[in-house]
Amino acid sequence: MTGTSILIPAHNEAGYLPACLQAVLASDPAQGPVEVIVIANGCTDNTAVIAQGFEEQTLLKGWRLKVLDLTEGGKLNAWNAGEAAAEGDVLIYLDADVNISPPLVGQIAKALAAEAPRYASGRPNVTVQDDALTRHYTRFWLTTPFMTHGVPGFGVFAMNRAGRRRWGHWPDIISDDTFARLNFRPEERLSVSAEYDWPMIEGFARLVQVRRRQDIGVAEIEERYPELLVNDDPKDNVVPVWKRALRDPVAFVAFAAVRIAIKLPILRSSNRWVRGR
């Protein structure tokens, strides 16, 4: 099969997967065949059954659905299993708590229709439900160089087969999205205009735990794969922190409080894969 494969790892995602799949199946028509692969991994809920319930809707759209029900958990294991089952020329990696906009699949597939290695993602719309501190934190986080430079690629990232051949199996790492992004030079990373909704972790304690894990994940890549760091985005034309703080002092205080707490020996978890939800 040529076309596009959408890979969705799902560990106990019964509460999030239906919305994710409904958004995927509301996508605009894409050039070439599309398959959706849900990789239920180590689930103790009915994630796999929920995914299988979307088979008829997928067929009516003219797409294919595959559901892999793995006994072993782990997102990297899910990526490896999903890729082994994927037949598309374009591989889209989608978190189960993310809702994509209708144009995203088609725009990514078009952007990656090249023989040279390419990586792509859409524009994240970071959502916050009702936690005031999280809203303030997020507002400042959106001004950081990570968010204003290049193609962040969290929640949704994609590559063509030429790009995926740059490494073998996914390694046992925390920050899979960072690893994937840094396997491509800045000029090989493409941003499409379509948006996707990505939910921010809410609550001070959970923000600290998850953001600490993300810092550890980035440090892990710096230690194990230092050769990839040359592919990070240049930090030219970065607005200084003090200017951003003056523009929105309340948001800066919330952001700084989380960053300080990350460095303190509190709210620590022995679980390397601690989740915020």
Protein backbone atom coordinates (compact mmCIF):
# COMPACT_ATOMS: atom_id res chain seq x y z
CA MET A 1 0.00 0.00 0.00
CA THR A 2 1.17 3.49 -0.77
CA GLY A 3 -0.43 6.40 1.04
CA THR A 4 -0.54 7.25 4.72
CA SER A 5 -0.42 5.27 7.96
CA ILE A 6 -1.65 6.95 11.16
CA LEU A 7 -0.20 5.27 14.24
CA ILE A 8 -1.95 5.81 17.58
CA PRO A 9 -0.40 4.21 20.69
CA ALA A 10 -2.98 3.79 23.44
CA HIS A 11 -2.36 2.64 27.00
CA ASN A 12 -5.64 2.73 28.96
CA GLU A 13 -6.99 5.52 26.77
CA ALA A 14 -10.68 4.58 26.88
CA GLY A 15 -11.58 8.09 27.97
CA TYR A 16 -9.62 9.87 25.24
CA LEU A 17 -9.51 7.55 22.24
CA PRO A 18 -13.08 8.05 20.95
CA ALA A 19 -12.58 11.81 20.47
CA CYS A 20 -9.18 11.21 18.90
CA LEU A 21 -10.56 8.71 16.38
CA GLN A 22 -13.63 10.82 15.63
CA ALA A 23 -11.33 13.73 14.77
CA VAL A 24 -9.16 11.49 12.58
CA LEU A 25 -12.16 10.16 10.72
CA ALA A 26 -13.46 13.70 10.21
CA SER A 27 -10.34 14.43 8.17
CA ASP A 28 -10.60 15.86 4.69
CA PRO A 29 -10.06 13.37 1.85
CA ALA A 30 -6.38 12.51 1.45
CA GLN A 31 -4.54 11.60 -1.71
CA GLY A 32 -3.95 7.86 -1.75
CA PRO A 33 -5.13 5.21 0.72
CA VAL A 34 -5.07 5.82 4.46
CA GLU A 35 -4.86 3.28 7.27
CA VAL A 36 -5.39 3.96 10.97
CA ILE A 37 -3.43 1.71 13.32
CA VAL A 38 -4.36 1.76 17.01
CA ILE A 39 -1.75 0.05 19.18
CA ALA A 40 -3.38 -0.84 22.49
CA ASN A 41 -0.42 -1.67 24.72
CA GLY A 42 -0.62 -3.22 28.17
CA CYS A 43 -4.20 -2.03 28.65
CA THR A 44 -6.35 -3.01 31.62
CA ASP A 45 -9.41 -1.22 30.25
CA ASN A 46 -11.42 -1.63 27.04
CA THR A 47 -9.24 0.58 24.83
CA ALA A 48 -8.87 -2.14 22.16
CA VAL A 49 -12.63 -2.84 22.09
CA ILE A 50 -13.37 0.87 21.70
CA ALA A 51 -10.92 1.08 18.79
CA GLN A 52 -12.46 -1.93 17.08
CA GLY A 53 -15.85 -0.25 17.35
CA PHE A 54 -14.70 2.33 14.80
CA GLU A 55 -14.16 -0.26 12.05
CA GLU A 56 -17.44 0.36 10.23
CA GLN A 57 -17.00 4.14 10.32
CA THR A 58 -13.46 3.75 8.98
CA LEU A 59 -14.59 1.50 6.14
CA LEU A 60 -17.39 3.91 5.21
CA LYS A 61 -14.74 6.59 4.80
CA GLY A 62 -12.80 4.31 2.49
CA TRP A 63 -9.93 3.89 4.94
CA ARG A 64 -8.62 0.83 6.76
CA LEU A 65 -8.44 0.21 10.51
CA LYS A 66 -6.01 -2.10 12.27
CA VAL A 67 -6.11 -2.67 16.02
CA LEU A 68 -3.11 -4.26 17.68
CA ASP A 69 -3.76 -5.51 21.22
CA LEU A 70 -0.35 -5.94 22.85
CA THR A 71 0.06 -7.48 26.28
CA GLU A 72 3.24 -5.50 26.88
CA GLY A 73 2.98 -1.82 27.67
CA GLY A 74 5.33 0.97 26.61
CA LYS A 75 5.01 3.67 23.97
CA LEU A 76 8.27 2.83 22.21
CA ASN A 77 7.25 -0.81 21.95
CA ALA A 78 3.94 0.39 20.53
CA TRP A 79 5.72 2.51 17.90
CA ASN A 80 7.83 -0.49 16.85
CA ALA A 81 4.80 -2.78 16.60
CA GLY A 82 2.74 -0.19 14.75
CA GLU A 83 5.49 0.45 12.23
CA ALA A 84 5.83 -3.28 11.60
CA ALA A 85 2.15 -3.35 10.62
CA ALA A 86 2.17 -0.07 8.67
CA GLU A 87 2.13 -0.07 4.88
CA GLY A 88 2.01 3.65 4.11
CA ASP A 89 4.76 5.77 2.60
CA VAL A 90 3.94 8.51 5.11
CA LEU A 91 3.92 7.69 8.82
CA ILE A 92 1.94 9.95 11.17
CA TYR A 93 2.54 9.42 14.89
CA LEU A 94 -0.45 10.62 16.91
CA ASP A 95 -1.01 10.63 20.67
CA ALA A 96 -4.41 9.31 21.75
CA ASP A 97 -5.32 12.46 23.69
CA VAL A 98 -4.79 14.73 20.68
CA ASN A 99 -7.58 15.91 18.37
CA ILE A 100 -6.49 16.88 14.87
CA SER A 101 -8.23 19.35 12.57
CA PRO A 102 -9.69 18.06 9.27
CA PRO A 103 -6.93 19.37 6.95
CA LEU A 104 -3.97 17.99 8.93
CA VAL A 105 -3.62 14.48 7.47
CA GLY A 106 -3.85 15.67 3.89
CA GLN A 107 -1.46 18.58 4.41
CA ILE A 108 1.13 16.35 6.09
CA ALA A 109 0.84 13.70 3.38
CA LYS A 110 1.37 16.34 0.69
CA ALA A 111 4.33 17.89 2.52
CA LEU A 112 6.04 14.52 2.87
CA ALA A 113 5.52 13.38 -0.71
CA ALA A 114 9.23 13.57 -1.47
CA GLU A 115 12.07 11.13 -2.01
CA ALA A 116 14.39 13.01 0.33
CA PRO A 117 14.01 12.50 4.10
CA ARG A 118 11.39 14.84 5.52
CA TYR A 119 9.64 15.43 8.85
CA ALA A 120 6.42 17.39 9.42
CA SER A 121 3.90 18.48 11.99
CA GLY A 122 1.01 20.88 12.34
CA ARG A 123 0.43 23.88 14.57
CA PRO A 124 -0.40 22.96 18.16
CA ASN A 125 -3.35 24.57 19.86
CA VAL A 126 -2.53 24.04 23.54
CA THR A 127 -5.77 23.66 25.50
CA VAL A 128 -6.41 24.26 29.21
CA GLN A 129 -9.69 23.39 30.85
CA ASP A 130 -10.22 25.21 34.14
CA ASP A 131 -7.01 25.49 36.20
CA ALA A 132 -5.94 29.13 36.57
CA LEU A 133 -2.28 28.41 37.37
CA THR A 134 -2.02 26.14 34.34
CA ARG A 135 -3.50 28.85 32.12
CA HIS A 136 -0.89 31.34 33.33
CA TYR A 137 1.94 28.81 33.01
CA THR A 138 0.86 27.87 29.50
CA ARG A 139 0.65 31.47 28.39
CA PHE A 140 4.33 32.01 29.21
CA TRP A 141 5.40 28.58 27.93
CA LEU A 142 3.97 29.52 24.54
CA THR A 143 6.54 32.33 24.34
CA THR A 144 9.58 30.08 24.88
CA PRO A 145 12.00 29.44 21.99
CA PHE A 146 10.83 25.83 21.82
CA MET A 147 7.37 27.05 20.88
CA THR A 148 8.31 30.02 18.71
CA HIS A 149 11.15 28.48 16.68
CA GLY A 150 10.99 25.57 14.29
CA VAL A 151 8.54 22.65 14.37
CA PRO A 152 7.97 21.42 17.97
CA GLY A 153 6.13 18.24 16.92
CA PHE A 154 4.75 17.22 20.33
CA GLY A 155 1.53 15.20 20.20
CA VAL A 156 1.71 14.81 16.42
CA PHE A 157 4.74 14.30 14.22
CA ALA A 158 5.26 12.58 10.90
CA MET A 159 7.95 11.49 8.49
CA ASN A 160 8.29 9.77 5.17
CA ARG A 161 9.91 6.37 4.77
CA ALA A 162 13.21 7.90 3.67
CA GLY A 163 13.34 9.78 6.96
CA ARG A 164 12.32 6.79 9.04
CA ARG A 165 15.25 4.80 7.67
CA ARG A 166 17.63 7.02 9.62
CA TRP A 167 17.43 4.70 12.63
CA GLY A 168 16.35 1.16 13.41
CA HIS A 169 13.93 0.23 16.18
CA TRP A 170 12.83 2.98 18.52
CA PRO A 171 15.24 3.05 21.46
CA ASP A 172 14.08 2.86 25.07
CA ILE A 173 13.94 6.60 25.73
CA ILE A 174 11.53 9.01 27.39
CA SER A 175 11.33 11.80 24.81
CA ASP A 176 10.42 10.03 21.59
CA ASP A 177 9.23 13.24 19.93
CA THR A 178 12.52 15.02 20.65
CA PHE A 179 14.50 12.04 19.34
CA ALA A 180 12.47 11.97 16.12
CA ARG A 181 12.68 15.72 15.56
CA LEU A 182 16.45 15.87 16.08
CA ASN A 183 17.04 13.12 13.54
CA PHE A 184 16.20 15.77 10.94
CA ARG A 185 18.00 18.99 10.15
CA PRO A 186 15.99 22.20 10.59
CA GLU A 187 15.55 22.60 6.83
CA GLU A 188 14.14 19.04 6.64
CA ARG A 189 11.44 19.79 9.21
CA LEU A 190 8.25 21.17 7.67
CA SER A 191 5.37 22.94 9.38
CA VAL A 192 1.91 22.76 7.83
CA SER A 193 -0.80 25.29 8.60
CA ALA A 194 -3.40 22.84 9.96
CA GLU A 195 -3.87 22.83 13.73
CA TYR A 196 -4.35 20.16 16.36
CA ASP A 197 -5.59 20.36 19.95
CA TRP A 198 -3.07 19.24 22.56
CA PRO A 199 -4.17 19.24 26.24
CA MET A 200 -1.78 20.76 28.75
CA ILE A 201 -1.31 18.81 31.97
CA GLU A 202 -3.23 20.66 34.69
CA GLY A 203 -2.43 21.34 38.34
CA PHE A 204 0.82 22.46 39.97
CA ALA A 205 1.97 19.05 41.23
CA ARG A 206 1.26 17.30 37.93
CA LEU A 207 2.89 20.07 35.93
CA VAL A 208 6.04 19.74 38.03
CA GLN A 209 6.11 15.94 37.72
CA VAL A 210 5.53 15.82 33.98
CA ARG A 211 7.79 18.75 33.14
CA ARG A 212 10.54 17.21 35.25
CA ARG A 213 10.18 13.98 33.29
CA GLN A 214 10.41 15.93 30.04
CA ASP A 215 13.61 17.61 31.22
CA ILE A 216 15.04 14.20 32.09
CA GLY A 217 14.05 12.94 28.65
CA VAL A 218 15.84 15.77 26.86
CA ALA A 219 18.93 15.30 29.06
CA GLU A 220 18.86 11.60 28.23
CA ILE A 221 19.04 12.35 24.51
CA GLU A 222 21.84 14.87 25.07
CA GLU A 223 23.81 12.17 26.89
CA ARG A 224 23.07 9.18 24.64
CA TYR A 225 22.82 10.90 21.26
CA PRO A 226 24.99 14.06 21.43
CA GLU A 227 25.48 13.95 17.66
CA LEU A 228 21.80 14.89 17.22
CA LEU A 229 22.14 18.21 19.02
CA VAL A 230 23.53 19.92 15.92
CA ASN A 231 20.04 19.54 14.45
CA ASP A 232 18.38 21.69 17.10
CA ASP A 233 16.78 24.93 15.95
CA PRO A 234 19.01 28.02 16.03
CA LYS A 235 18.08 30.39 18.83
CA ASP A 236 18.52 33.63 16.92
CA ASN A 237 15.94 36.40 17.31
CA VAL A 238 14.85 35.05 20.68
CA VAL A 239 12.97 37.55 22.84
CA PRO A 240 14.81 37.78 26.20
CA VAL A 241 13.11 36.30 29.24
CA TRP A 242 12.97 39.65 31.02
CA LYS A 243 11.06 41.25 28.17
CA ARG A 244 8.56 38.43 28.10
CA ALA A 245 8.24 38.62 31.88
CA LEU A 246 7.48 42.35 31.75
CA ARG A 247 4.82 41.77 29.13
CA ASP A 248 3.01 39.19 31.28
CA PRO A 249 4.32 39.13 34.87
CA VAL A 250 1.56 36.89 36.20
CA ALA A 251 2.30 34.24 33.59
CA PHE A 252 6.03 34.53 34.29
CA VAL A 253 5.54 33.97 38.03
CA ALA A 254 3.50 30.83 37.37
CA PHE A 255 6.07 29.53 34.89
CA ALA A 256 9.00 30.33 37.20
CA ALA A 257 7.31 28.63 40.15
CA VAL A 258 6.99 25.38 38.19
CA ARG A 259 10.59 25.61 36.93
CA ILE A 260 11.91 26.19 40.45
CA ALA A 261 9.88 23.31 41.86
CA ILE A 262 11.28 20.99 39.18
CA LYS A 263 14.74 21.51 40.68
CA LEU A 264 13.64 20.77 44.24
CA PRO A 265 13.51 17.25 45.77
CA ILE A 266 9.75 17.41 46.12
CA LEU A 267 6.94 15.84 44.16
CA ARG A 268 9.41 13.33 42.78
CA SER A 269 8.29 10.01 41.42
CA SER A 270 10.34 6.86 41.11
CA ASN A 271 8.33 6.01 37.99
CA ARG A 272 10.39 6.98 34.94
CA TRP A 273 7.18 7.11 32.91
CA VAL A 274 5.05 9.16 35.31
CA ARG A 275 2.00 10.61 33.56
CA GLY A 276 0.02 13.69 34.39
CA ARG A 277 -3.38 12.11 33.92
